[in-house]
N, C-alpha and C. Protein backbone atom coordinates (compact mmCIF):
# COMPACT_ATOMS: atom_id res chain seq x y z
N MET A 1 101.05 76.35 62.86
CA MET A 1 101.70 77.76 62.35
C MET A 1 100.81 78.39 63.42
N ARG A 2 99.29 78.15 63.41
CA ARG A 2 98.36 78.93 64.07
C ARG A 2 98.55 78.54 66.00
N TRP A 3 98.56 77.33 66.02
CA TRP A 3 99.01 77.24 67.21
C TRP A 3 100.02 77.83 67.69
N ILE A 4 100.91 78.02 67.36
CA ILE A 4 102.63 78.34 67.77
C ILE A 4 102.15 79.73 68.17
N VAL A 5 100.85 80.04 67.42
CA VAL A 5 100.98 81.91 67.74
C VAL A 5 100.40 82.31 68.89
N LEU A 6 99.40 81.19 68.57
CA LEU A 6 98.09 81.29 69.69
C LEU A 6 98.87 81.20 71.06
N VAL A 7 99.92 80.08 70.87
CA VAL A 7 100.67 79.79 72.65
C VAL A 7 101.46 80.35 73.07
N LEU A 8 102.45 81.55 72.10
CA LEU A 8 102.96 82.82 72.32
C LEU A 8 101.83 83.72 73.17
N LEU A 9 100.66 84.00 72.16
CA LEU A 9 99.49 85.08 72.78
C LEU A 9 99.40 84.87 74.24
N VAL A 10 98.74 83.45 74.32
CA VAL A 10 98.36 82.95 75.84
C VAL A 10 99.32 83.16 76.51
N VAL A 11 101.13 82.59 76.01
CA VAL A 11 102.00 82.92 77.43
C VAL A 11 102.00 84.48 77.82
N GLY A 12 102.18 85.48 76.61
CA GLY A 12 102.34 86.86 76.77
C GLY A 12 101.22 87.11 77.58
N PHE A 13 99.57 86.87 77.76
CA PHE A 13 98.80 86.84 78.74
C PHE A 13 99.07 86.83 80.38
N VAL A 14 99.76 85.61 80.12
CA VAL A 14 99.44 84.75 81.52
C VAL A 14 100.61 85.44 82.05
N SER A 15 101.62 85.97 81.71
CA SER A 15 103.07 86.44 82.91
C SER A 15 102.52 87.71 83.55
N ALA A 16 102.41 88.04 84.59
CA ALA A 16 102.02 89.23 85.84
C ALA A 16 102.91 89.70 86.76
N VAL A 17 103.14 90.61 87.01
CA VAL A 17 103.64 90.74 88.78
C VAL A 17 102.97 90.53 89.24
N ASP A 18 103.33 90.03 90.64
CA ASP A 18 102.78 89.41 91.93
C ASP A 18 103.50 90.12 92.77
N VAL A 19 102.82 90.85 93.97
CA VAL A 19 103.36 91.14 95.09
C VAL A 19 102.88 90.20 96.54
N ASP A 20 103.87 90.43 97.32
CA ASP A 20 103.50 90.09 98.78
C ASP A 20 103.69 91.28 99.52
N PHE A 21 102.77 91.82 100.57
CA PHE A 21 102.88 92.81 101.10
C PHE A 21 102.53 92.79 102.77
N ASP A 22 103.46 92.66 103.41
CA ASP A 22 102.87 92.85 104.68
C ASP A 22 103.10 92.97 105.95
N CYS A 23 102.25 94.10 106.48
CA CYS A 23 102.57 94.93 107.42
C CYS A 23 102.19 94.20 108.81
N PRO A 24 102.52 95.27 110.26
CA PRO A 24 101.93 94.84 111.35
C PRO A 24 100.51 94.53 111.81
N ASN A 25 99.96 94.81 112.12
CA ASN A 25 98.66 94.16 112.78
C ASN A 25 98.06 95.50 113.01
N LYS A 26 99.08 96.59 114.06
CA LYS A 26 98.73 97.06 115.00
C LYS A 26 99.16 98.62 114.10
N ILE A 27 99.12 99.56 113.73
CA ILE A 27 99.49 100.87 113.47
C ILE A 27 99.03 101.72 114.22
N PHE A 28 100.00 102.88 114.88
CA PHE A 28 99.81 104.08 115.84
C PHE A 28 99.94 105.36 114.98
N VAL A 29 99.19 106.52 115.14
CA VAL A 29 99.42 107.53 114.69
C VAL A 29 101.24 108.08 115.02
N GLY A 30 101.40 108.57 113.66
CA GLY A 30 102.87 109.13 114.18
C GLY A 30 104.11 108.42 114.44
N GLU A 31 103.66 107.45 114.95
CA GLU A 31 104.88 106.31 114.93
C GLU A 31 104.86 105.11 113.56
N GLU A 32 106.37 104.99 113.49
CA GLU A 32 107.22 104.55 111.99
C GLU A 32 107.35 103.00 112.31
N PHE A 33 106.39 102.33 111.26
CA PHE A 33 106.19 100.68 111.23
C PHE A 33 106.84 100.36 109.77
N GLU A 34 107.53 99.05 109.70
CA GLU A 34 107.31 98.87 108.65
C GLU A 34 106.73 97.23 108.28
N CYS A 35 106.93 97.31 106.72
CA CYS A 35 106.28 96.71 106.20
C CYS A 35 107.77 95.67 104.84
N SER A 36 106.95 94.11 104.90
CA SER A 36 108.06 93.63 104.05
C SER A 36 107.34 93.77 102.15
N LEU A 37 107.91 93.95 101.43
CA LEU A 37 107.53 93.83 99.98
C LEU A 37 108.54 92.70 99.29
N ASP A 38 107.71 91.92 98.30
CA ASP A 38 108.34 90.90 97.57
C ASP A 38 107.85 90.67 96.53
N VAL A 39 108.37 91.31 95.12
CA VAL A 39 107.97 91.25 94.11
C VAL A 39 108.35 90.18 93.50
N PHE A 40 107.88 89.66 92.82
CA PHE A 40 107.71 88.20 91.94
C PHE A 40 107.09 87.86 90.51
N ASP A 41 107.39 87.43 89.88
CA ASP A 41 107.02 86.99 88.43
C ASP A 41 106.94 88.11 87.57
N GLY A 42 107.82 88.93 88.01
CA GLY A 42 108.09 90.19 87.03
C GLY A 42 109.42 90.16 86.46
N ASP A 43 110.15 91.27 85.74
CA ASP A 43 111.33 91.35 85.47
C ASP A 43 111.99 92.41 85.30
N GLY A 44 112.93 92.90 85.93
CA GLY A 44 113.55 94.20 86.26
C GLY A 44 113.59 94.73 87.98
N VAL A 45 113.59 96.06 87.63
CA VAL A 45 113.85 97.02 88.61
C VAL A 45 112.24 97.90 88.98
N TYR A 46 111.39 98.24 90.12
CA TYR A 46 110.52 99.02 89.94
C TYR A 46 110.32 99.95 90.47
N ASP A 47 109.42 100.71 90.64
CA ASP A 47 109.46 102.22 91.60
C ASP A 47 108.38 101.66 92.30
N VAL A 48 108.24 102.52 93.28
CA VAL A 48 106.78 101.97 94.16
C VAL A 48 106.68 103.31 95.05
N LYS A 49 105.17 103.02 95.07
CA LYS A 49 104.39 104.13 95.86
C LYS A 49 103.39 102.88 96.73
N VAL A 50 103.13 103.90 97.59
CA VAL A 50 102.00 102.86 98.91
C VAL A 50 101.19 104.33 98.92
N GLU A 51 99.72 103.96 98.90
CA GLU A 51 99.17 104.94 99.51
C GLU A 51 97.80 104.46 100.11
N PHE A 52 97.36 105.44 100.86
CA PHE A 52 96.60 104.92 102.02
C PHE A 52 95.18 106.22 101.83
N ASP A 53 94.95 106.96 101.38
CA ASP A 53 93.83 107.51 100.73
C ASP A 53 94.29 108.22 99.07
N SER A 54 93.07 108.90 98.29
CA SER A 54 93.41 109.05 97.16
C SER A 54 93.54 110.93 97.10
N GLU A 55 93.90 111.20 98.00
CA GLU A 55 94.16 112.85 98.33
C GLU A 55 95.39 113.09 97.74
N ARG A 56 95.36 114.20 97.52
CA ARG A 56 97.27 114.45 96.80
C ARG A 56 98.16 114.68 98.28
N ASP A 57 97.24 115.74 99.40
CA ASP A 57 98.08 115.85 100.44
C ASP A 57 98.05 114.37 101.42
N SER A 58 98.66 113.26 101.38
CA SER A 58 98.74 111.96 101.87
C SER A 58 98.82 111.91 103.27
N VAL A 59 97.84 111.31 103.80
CA VAL A 59 98.18 111.07 105.50
C VAL A 59 98.98 110.00 105.75
N LEU A 60 99.85 109.81 104.38
CA LEU A 60 101.22 108.52 104.54
C LEU A 60 102.15 108.86 104.30
N GLU A 61 102.90 109.00 105.08
CA GLU A 61 104.75 108.98 104.70
C GLU A 61 105.46 107.86 104.64
N ILE A 62 106.47 107.77 103.54
CA ILE A 62 107.46 106.85 103.18
C ILE A 62 108.92 107.21 103.34
N TRP A 63 109.73 106.43 104.15
CA TRP A 63 110.86 106.69 104.35
C TRP A 63 111.63 106.58 102.90
N ASP A 64 112.46 107.87 102.29
CA ASP A 64 113.01 107.52 101.04
C ASP A 64 114.86 107.31 101.22
N ASP A 65 115.18 106.39 101.47
CA ASP A 65 116.68 105.89 101.87
C ASP A 65 117.95 106.59 100.83
N SER A 66 117.33 106.92 99.72
CA SER A 66 118.11 108.07 98.52
C SER A 66 118.35 109.05 99.04
N GLU A 67 116.76 109.54 99.39
CA GLU A 67 117.32 111.09 99.81
C GLU A 67 117.19 111.31 101.19
N ASP A 68 117.31 110.27 102.10
CA ASP A 68 117.45 110.14 103.72
C ASP A 68 116.36 111.01 104.34
N LYS A 69 114.79 110.87 104.23
CA LYS A 69 113.86 112.21 104.44
C LYS A 69 112.48 111.45 103.86
N TRP A 70 111.36 111.86 105.18
CA TRP A 70 110.23 111.43 104.62
C TRP A 70 109.60 111.59 103.34
N LEU A 71 108.86 111.22 103.11
CA LEU A 71 108.30 111.91 101.62
C LEU A 71 106.70 111.47 101.74
N SER A 72 105.76 112.53 101.19
CA SER A 72 104.61 112.01 101.13
C SER A 72 104.23 110.97 100.72
N GLY A 73 103.13 110.15 101.02
CA GLY A 73 102.60 108.66 99.98
C GLY A 73 102.46 108.95 98.15
N TYR A 74 101.77 110.58 98.39
CA TYR A 74 102.05 110.50 96.63
C TYR A 74 103.13 110.82 95.77
N TYR A 75 104.39 110.65 96.23
CA TYR A 75 105.48 110.55 95.40
C TYR A 75 106.05 108.67 95.30
N TYR A 76 106.26 108.20 94.38
CA TYR A 76 107.04 107.11 94.01
C TYR A 76 108.47 107.10 94.27
N LEU A 77 109.05 106.15 94.88
CA LEU A 77 110.35 105.73 95.47
C LEU A 77 111.09 105.11 94.32
N SER A 78 112.25 106.01 93.16
CA SER A 78 112.55 105.45 92.49
C SER A 78 113.46 103.91 92.29
N GLU A 79 113.12 103.19 91.53
CA GLU A 79 114.23 101.81 91.52
C GLU A 79 114.52 101.17 92.83
N PHE A 80 112.84 100.90 93.53
CA PHE A 80 113.16 101.01 94.89
C PHE A 80 113.30 99.18 95.19
N VAL A 81 112.40 98.45 94.21
CA VAL A 81 112.53 96.83 94.46
C VAL A 81 112.73 96.08 93.15
N GLU A 82 113.64 94.96 93.03
CA GLU A 82 113.58 94.76 91.92
C GLU A 82 112.88 92.97 92.00
N ASP A 83 112.60 92.61 90.92
CA ASP A 83 111.80 91.12 91.24
C ASP A 83 112.66 90.03 91.67
N GLY A 84 112.21 89.57 92.71
CA GLY A 84 113.00 88.53 93.19
C GLY A 84 113.13 88.60 94.59
N GLU A 85 113.82 90.14 94.82
CA GLU A 85 114.13 90.58 96.02
C GLU A 85 112.54 91.42 97.04
N GLU A 86 113.63 90.64 98.48
CA GLU A 86 112.21 91.32 99.67
C GLU A 86 112.90 92.21 100.21
N VAL A 87 112.07 93.60 100.27
CA VAL A 87 112.83 94.96 100.57
C VAL A 87 111.58 95.36 101.66
N GLU A 88 112.07 96.30 102.70
CA GLU A 88 111.35 96.99 103.79
C GLU A 88 111.27 98.06 103.59
N VAL A 89 110.04 98.49 103.83
CA VAL A 89 109.31 99.87 103.41
C VAL A 89 108.66 100.00 104.83
N ARG A 90 109.46 101.58 105.06
CA ARG A 90 109.10 102.27 106.65
C ARG A 90 108.15 103.36 106.08
N LEU A 91 107.15 103.13 106.72
CA LEU A 91 106.00 104.17 106.37
C LEU A 91 105.55 104.68 107.93
N LYS A 92 104.60 105.87 107.88
CA LYS A 92 104.21 106.38 108.98
C LYS A 92 103.27 107.14 108.79
N VAL A 93 101.74 107.51 109.81
CA VAL A 93 100.98 107.89 108.94
C VAL A 93 100.48 108.76 110.21
N SER A 94 99.81 109.93 109.67
CA SER A 94 99.46 111.46 110.38
C SER A 94 98.02 111.36 110.81
N GLU A 95 97.01 110.94 110.39
CA GLU A 95 96.02 110.77 110.87
C GLU A 95 95.42 109.22 111.72
N VAL A 96 94.33 109.38 112.49
CA VAL A 96 93.87 108.07 112.92
C VAL A 96 92.74 107.69 111.89
N GLY A 97 92.20 106.66 111.47
CA GLY A 97 91.58 106.05 110.12
C GLY A 97 91.21 104.90 109.88
N ARG A 98 90.47 104.47 109.17
CA ARG A 98 90.89 104.03 108.51
C ARG A 98 90.86 103.86 106.86
N TYR A 99 92.00 103.01 107.09
CA TYR A 99 92.39 103.30 104.98
C TYR A 99 92.38 101.74 104.41
N ASP A 100 92.08 102.24 103.11
CA ASP A 100 91.98 100.83 101.81
C ASP A 100 93.33 101.44 101.40
N GLY A 101 94.18 100.48 101.09
CA GLY A 101 96.05 100.50 100.87
C GLY A 101 96.11 99.62 99.47
N ILE A 102 97.13 101.04 98.98
CA ILE A 102 97.04 101.01 97.23
C ILE A 102 98.07 100.72 97.13
N LEU A 103 99.28 99.31 96.53
CA LEU A 103 100.53 99.66 96.06
C LEU A 103 100.32 99.67 94.67
N LYS A 104 101.68 100.54 94.44
CA LYS A 104 101.56 100.75 92.89
C LYS A 104 102.78 100.55 92.54
N LEU A 105 103.48 100.05 91.59
CA LEU A 105 104.57 99.38 90.91
C LEU A 105 104.61 100.77 89.29
N ARG A 106 105.61 100.73 89.05
CA ARG A 106 105.95 101.62 87.94
C ARG A 106 107.44 100.79 87.58
N GLN A 107 107.42 100.63 85.94
CA GLN A 107 108.35 100.27 85.38
C GLN A 107 108.45 100.70 83.90
N GLY A 108 109.13 102.26 84.00
CA GLY A 108 108.93 103.35 82.63
C GLY A 108 107.61 103.60 82.70
N ASP A 109 106.70 103.55 81.53
CA ASP A 109 105.50 103.64 81.31
C ASP A 109 104.40 102.79 81.76
N LYS A 110 105.09 101.34 82.14
CA LYS A 110 103.94 100.36 82.75
C LYS A 110 103.46 100.66 84.01
N ARG A 111 102.54 100.77 84.55
CA ARG A 111 102.10 100.61 86.14
C ARG A 111 101.18 99.41 86.33
N GLU A 112 101.16 98.88 87.57
CA GLU A 112 100.58 97.89 88.36
C GLU A 112 99.61 98.31 89.01
N PHE A 113 98.74 98.13 89.71
CA PHE A 113 98.33 98.41 91.42
C PHE A 113 97.70 97.38 92.05
N PHE A 114 97.63 97.19 92.92
CA PHE A 114 97.12 96.04 94.12
C PHE A 114 96.92 96.39 94.81
N GLU A 115 95.52 95.92 95.18
CA GLU A 115 95.00 96.59 96.38
C GLU A 115 95.47 95.65 97.84
N ILE A 116 95.75 96.25 98.76
CA ILE A 116 97.09 95.74 99.64
C ILE A 116 96.18 95.42 101.16
N GLY A 117 94.73 95.90 101.00
CA GLY A 117 93.60 95.63 102.59
C GLY A 117 93.63 97.25 103.11
N GLU A 118 92.95 96.69 104.27
CA GLU A 118 92.36 97.83 105.24
C GLU A 118 93.41 97.75 105.92
N PHE A 119 93.71 99.01 106.55
CA PHE A 119 94.35 99.57 107.60
C PHE A 119 93.55 99.97 108.65
N VAL A 120 93.96 99.70 110.17
CA VAL A 120 93.38 101.03 111.07
C VAL A 120 94.27 101.14 111.55
N VAL A 121 94.17 102.92 111.44
CA VAL A 121 94.99 103.39 112.62
C VAL A 121 94.79 103.96 114.06
N ARG A 122 95.65 103.61 114.93
CA ARG A 122 94.93 103.79 116.25
C ARG A 122 95.33 105.42 116.64
N ALA A 123 94.66 105.67 117.94
CA ALA A 123 95.48 107.13 118.41
C ALA A 123 96.30 106.98 119.00
N SER A 124 96.60 105.53 120.31
CA SER A 124 97.49 105.73 121.06
C SER A 124 98.29 104.16 121.13
N ARG A 125 99.34 103.71 121.28
CA ARG A 125 100.11 102.75 121.68
C ARG A 125 99.57 102.46 122.86
N VAL A 126 99.52 101.07 123.35
CA VAL A 126 99.00 100.57 124.45
C VAL A 126 100.10 99.45 124.49
N LEU A 127 100.72 99.06 126.19
CA LEU A 127 101.87 98.68 126.12
C LEU A 127 101.76 97.45 126.85
N GLU A 128 102.52 95.93 126.52
CA GLU A 128 102.11 94.69 127.13
C GLU A 128 101.59 95.10 128.53
N ASP A 129 102.28 95.70 129.30
CA ASP A 129 102.26 95.49 130.50
C ASP A 129 100.97 96.42 131.38
N ASP A 130 100.07 96.33 130.35
CA ASP A 130 98.55 97.48 130.82
C ASP A 130 99.02 99.09 130.98
N ALA A 131 99.96 99.49 130.59
CA ALA A 131 100.71 100.73 130.72
C ALA A 131 100.60 101.25 129.42
N MET A 132 100.09 102.81 129.76
CA MET A 132 100.89 103.84 128.40
C MET A 132 101.20 104.94 128.80
N GLU A 133 102.01 104.35 127.24
CA GLU A 133 103.37 105.84 127.96
C GLU A 133 102.65 106.94 127.09
N VAL A 134 102.97 108.12 128.05
CA VAL A 134 102.68 109.47 127.84
C VAL A 134 103.57 110.31 127.77
N GLU A 135 103.94 111.13 126.32
CA GLU A 135 105.04 111.96 127.14
C GLU A 135 104.29 113.53 127.42
N SER A 136 105.17 113.88 128.39
CA SER A 136 104.85 115.40 129.15
C SER A 136 106.18 116.42 128.82
N GLY A 137 106.22 116.94 128.22
CA GLY A 137 107.64 117.68 128.16
C GLY A 137 108.48 116.84 127.92
N GLU A 138 109.46 117.29 128.97
CA GLU A 138 110.85 116.18 128.14
C GLU A 138 110.83 114.80 129.06
N ASP A 139 110.07 114.35 129.78
CA ASP A 139 109.95 113.50 130.79
C ASP A 139 108.98 112.39 130.06
N GLU A 140 108.72 111.28 130.40
CA GLU A 140 108.22 110.18 129.72
C GLU A 140 107.28 110.25 131.41
N VAL A 141 106.10 109.78 131.20
CA VAL A 141 105.33 109.31 132.19
C VAL A 141 104.51 108.06 131.82
N VAL A 142 104.89 106.46 132.74
CA VAL A 142 104.22 105.61 132.62
C VAL A 142 102.79 105.18 133.50
N VAL A 143 101.40 105.34 133.08
CA VAL A 143 100.72 105.63 133.84
C VAL A 143 99.88 103.85 133.83
N LEU A 144 99.84 103.57 135.48
CA LEU A 144 99.49 102.57 135.15
C LEU A 144 97.95 102.48 135.47
N GLY A 145 97.24 101.36 134.87
CA GLY A 145 95.49 101.55 134.94
C GLY A 145 94.96 100.66 133.85
N GLU A 146 93.18 101.18 133.69
CA GLU A 146 92.96 100.39 132.65
C GLU A 146 93.04 100.98 131.50
N VAL A 147 93.42 100.45 130.69
CA VAL A 147 93.97 100.38 129.16
C VAL A 147 93.80 99.34 128.40
N SER A 148 93.06 99.81 127.33
CA SER A 148 92.66 98.52 126.30
C SER A 148 92.46 99.36 125.14
N GLU A 149 92.55 98.65 123.91
CA GLU A 149 92.67 99.27 122.66
C GLU A 149 91.50 100.58 122.59
N ASP A 150 89.95 100.04 122.94
CA ASP A 150 88.93 101.27 123.22
C ASP A 150 88.85 101.71 124.05
N VAL A 151 89.63 101.85 125.68
CA VAL A 151 89.41 102.86 126.23
C VAL A 151 90.79 103.47 127.27
N VAL A 152 91.40 104.23 127.09
CA VAL A 152 92.25 104.75 127.87
C VAL A 152 92.12 105.68 128.98
N VAL A 153 92.48 105.39 130.05
CA VAL A 153 92.09 106.10 131.26
C VAL A 153 93.60 106.30 132.16
N LEU A 154 93.45 108.06 132.12
CA LEU A 154 94.79 108.39 132.55
C LEU A 154 94.59 109.11 134.00
N ASN A 155 95.11 108.84 135.15
CA ASN A 155 94.87 109.11 136.02
C ASN A 155 93.34 109.44 136.59
N GLY A 156 92.22 108.38 136.51
CA GLY A 156 91.16 108.46 136.72
C GLY A 156 90.62 109.11 135.75
N ASP A 157 90.83 109.45 134.67
CA ASP A 157 89.78 110.17 133.64
C ASP A 157 90.00 109.61 132.22
N VAL A 158 88.62 109.20 131.05
CA VAL A 158 89.05 109.06 130.61
C VAL A 158 89.56 109.74 129.67
N VAL A 159 90.69 109.59 128.88
CA VAL A 159 91.22 110.30 127.68
C VAL A 159 90.95 110.02 126.27
N TYR A 160 90.58 108.88 126.30
CA TYR A 160 90.20 108.22 124.88
C TYR A 160 89.17 107.13 125.19
N GLU A 161 88.27 106.92 124.35
CA GLU A 161 87.13 106.29 124.12
C GLU A 161 86.98 106.04 121.98
N SER A 162 86.89 104.94 122.06
CA SER A 162 86.55 104.58 121.07
C SER A 162 85.32 104.53 120.67
N ARG A 163 84.17 104.92 119.36
CA ARG A 163 83.18 105.17 119.14
C ARG A 163 82.24 103.29 119.34
N ASP A 164 83.25 102.46 119.03
CA ASP A 164 82.49 101.02 119.44
C ASP A 164 82.27 101.38 120.93
N SER A 165 83.35 101.41 121.58
CA SER A 165 83.40 101.39 123.14
C SER A 165 81.94 101.71 123.47
N MET A 166 81.85 103.37 122.91
CA MET A 166 80.76 104.55 123.56
C MET A 166 79.67 103.54 123.48
N VAL A 167 79.45 103.10 122.01
CA VAL A 167 77.83 102.19 121.47
C VAL A 167 77.98 100.69 122.49
N VAL A 168 78.77 100.22 123.09
CA VAL A 168 78.85 99.32 124.02
C VAL A 168 78.35 99.54 125.09
N ASP A 169 78.43 100.80 125.48
CA ASP A 169 78.25 100.70 127.13
C ASP A 169 76.96 101.71 126.96
N LYS A 170 76.33 102.07 125.83
CA LYS A 170 74.94 102.27 125.95
C LYS A 170 73.99 101.31 125.28
N LEU A 171 74.76 100.15 125.03
CA LEU A 171 73.89 99.10 124.79
C LEU A 171 72.97 98.54 125.52
N VAL A 172 73.19 99.06 127.42
CA VAL A 172 72.98 98.33 128.67
C VAL A 172 71.68 99.61 129.10
N TYR A 173 71.60 100.55 128.76
CA TYR A 173 70.80 101.56 128.87
C TYR A 173 69.74 101.16 127.85
N GLY A 174 70.18 101.50 126.57
CA GLY A 174 69.11 100.84 125.56
C GLY A 174 67.93 99.40 125.55
N PHE A 175 68.62 98.28 126.31
CA PHE A 175 68.01 97.19 126.65
C PHE A 175 67.01 97.49 127.72
N ALA A 176 67.64 98.42 128.68
CA ALA A 176 66.70 98.40 130.17
C ALA A 176 65.64 99.22 129.54
N VAL A 177 65.75 100.12 128.80
CA VAL A 177 64.50 101.17 128.18
C VAL A 177 63.32 100.11 127.52
N PHE A 178 64.08 99.08 126.50
CA PHE A 178 63.53 98.52 125.71
C PHE A 178 62.14 97.47 126.55
N LEU A 179 62.99 96.99 127.74
CA LEU A 179 62.61 96.22 128.83
C LEU A 179 61.10 96.59 129.45
N ILE A 180 61.35 98.09 130.05
CA ILE A 180 60.49 98.59 130.57
C ILE A 180 58.80 98.81 129.71
N PHE A 181 59.78 99.13 128.27
CA PHE A 181 58.75 99.32 127.09
C PHE A 181 57.79 98.02 127.05
N VAL A 182 58.03 97.15 126.76
CA VAL A 182 57.82 95.77 126.94
C VAL A 182 56.99 95.68 128.47
N ILE A 183 57.21 95.37 129.33
CA ILE A 183 56.67 95.75 130.41
C ILE A 183 55.22 96.53 130.57
N GLY A 184 55.78 97.69 129.94
CA GLY A 184 54.61 98.43 129.84
C GLY A 184 53.33 98.11 129.27
N ILE A 185 53.60 97.61 127.83
CA ILE A 185 52.87 97.24 127.34
C ILE A 185 52.31 96.11 127.56
N LEU A 186 52.68 94.91 128.12
CA LEU A 186 52.04 94.28 128.64
C LEU A 186 51.30 94.53 130.16
N VAL A 187 51.69 95.20 131.10
CA VAL A 187 50.48 95.60 132.04
C VAL A 187 49.47 96.38 131.80
N TRP A 188 49.54 97.25 130.22
CA TRP A 188 48.73 97.64 129.62
C TRP A 188 47.52 96.91 129.09
N GLU A 189 48.04 95.84 128.29
CA GLU A 189 47.26 95.36 127.96
C GLU A 189 46.13 94.31 129.05
N ARG A 190 46.74 93.96 130.18
CA ARG A 190 45.65 93.34 131.76
C ARG A 190 44.51 94.26 132.04
C-alpha cells in the first residue's frame, strides 16, 4: 500500500507543462513579428502572456484576435492555446534594447513561468540587397550604400552607429597610443 501511494505522489510531481517558443533572430522596432508557441505535457486551455520587461507600461505589444487590436504585453490573452496545439503569437516592440523574455501560462489560479531567452531589438531593418528602406512622408526611398547591422549610412552621412561599432573604431587609436607609450618607455630607458 505504501508503494502505491508513493508511486501516485511521484507521478503527480513529474507531470508538468512544457513549451516550445520560437521567434525570429532579428527583431526591429515597430515591426510586427510572429513567434510560434507549442504547449505540451499539460492539459486543457491556457491563457498566454509574453513579457520583455517587468514594467507595467510594457515595451511589448501583443495582437489579440478576439478584440482585433494590439494590447500591452501586460495583459493575458484569454484561452489562447490548448495543450498539443501550435499557435502563432503576433508581437511588436516599441523600443530598442536587450530584453529577457518571459512566457506566462495561466489556467485558472495556476500559473507557469518560462524564460524564453534574450531578445535584441534593433533600430532599423537592413534589406538583403544592402539597401535601407526609409519612409519620408508618403514616398518610400531606397538608399544604396554602406549598410550593416552596426552602421547605417544615408546619403554619405552616418545616421545610426551601434555602441559596439563605435568601440571597434576607437580601438585603432587606442592601440596606436599604447604603441607610442611603449616606444616612449623603451627610448627613455636607453
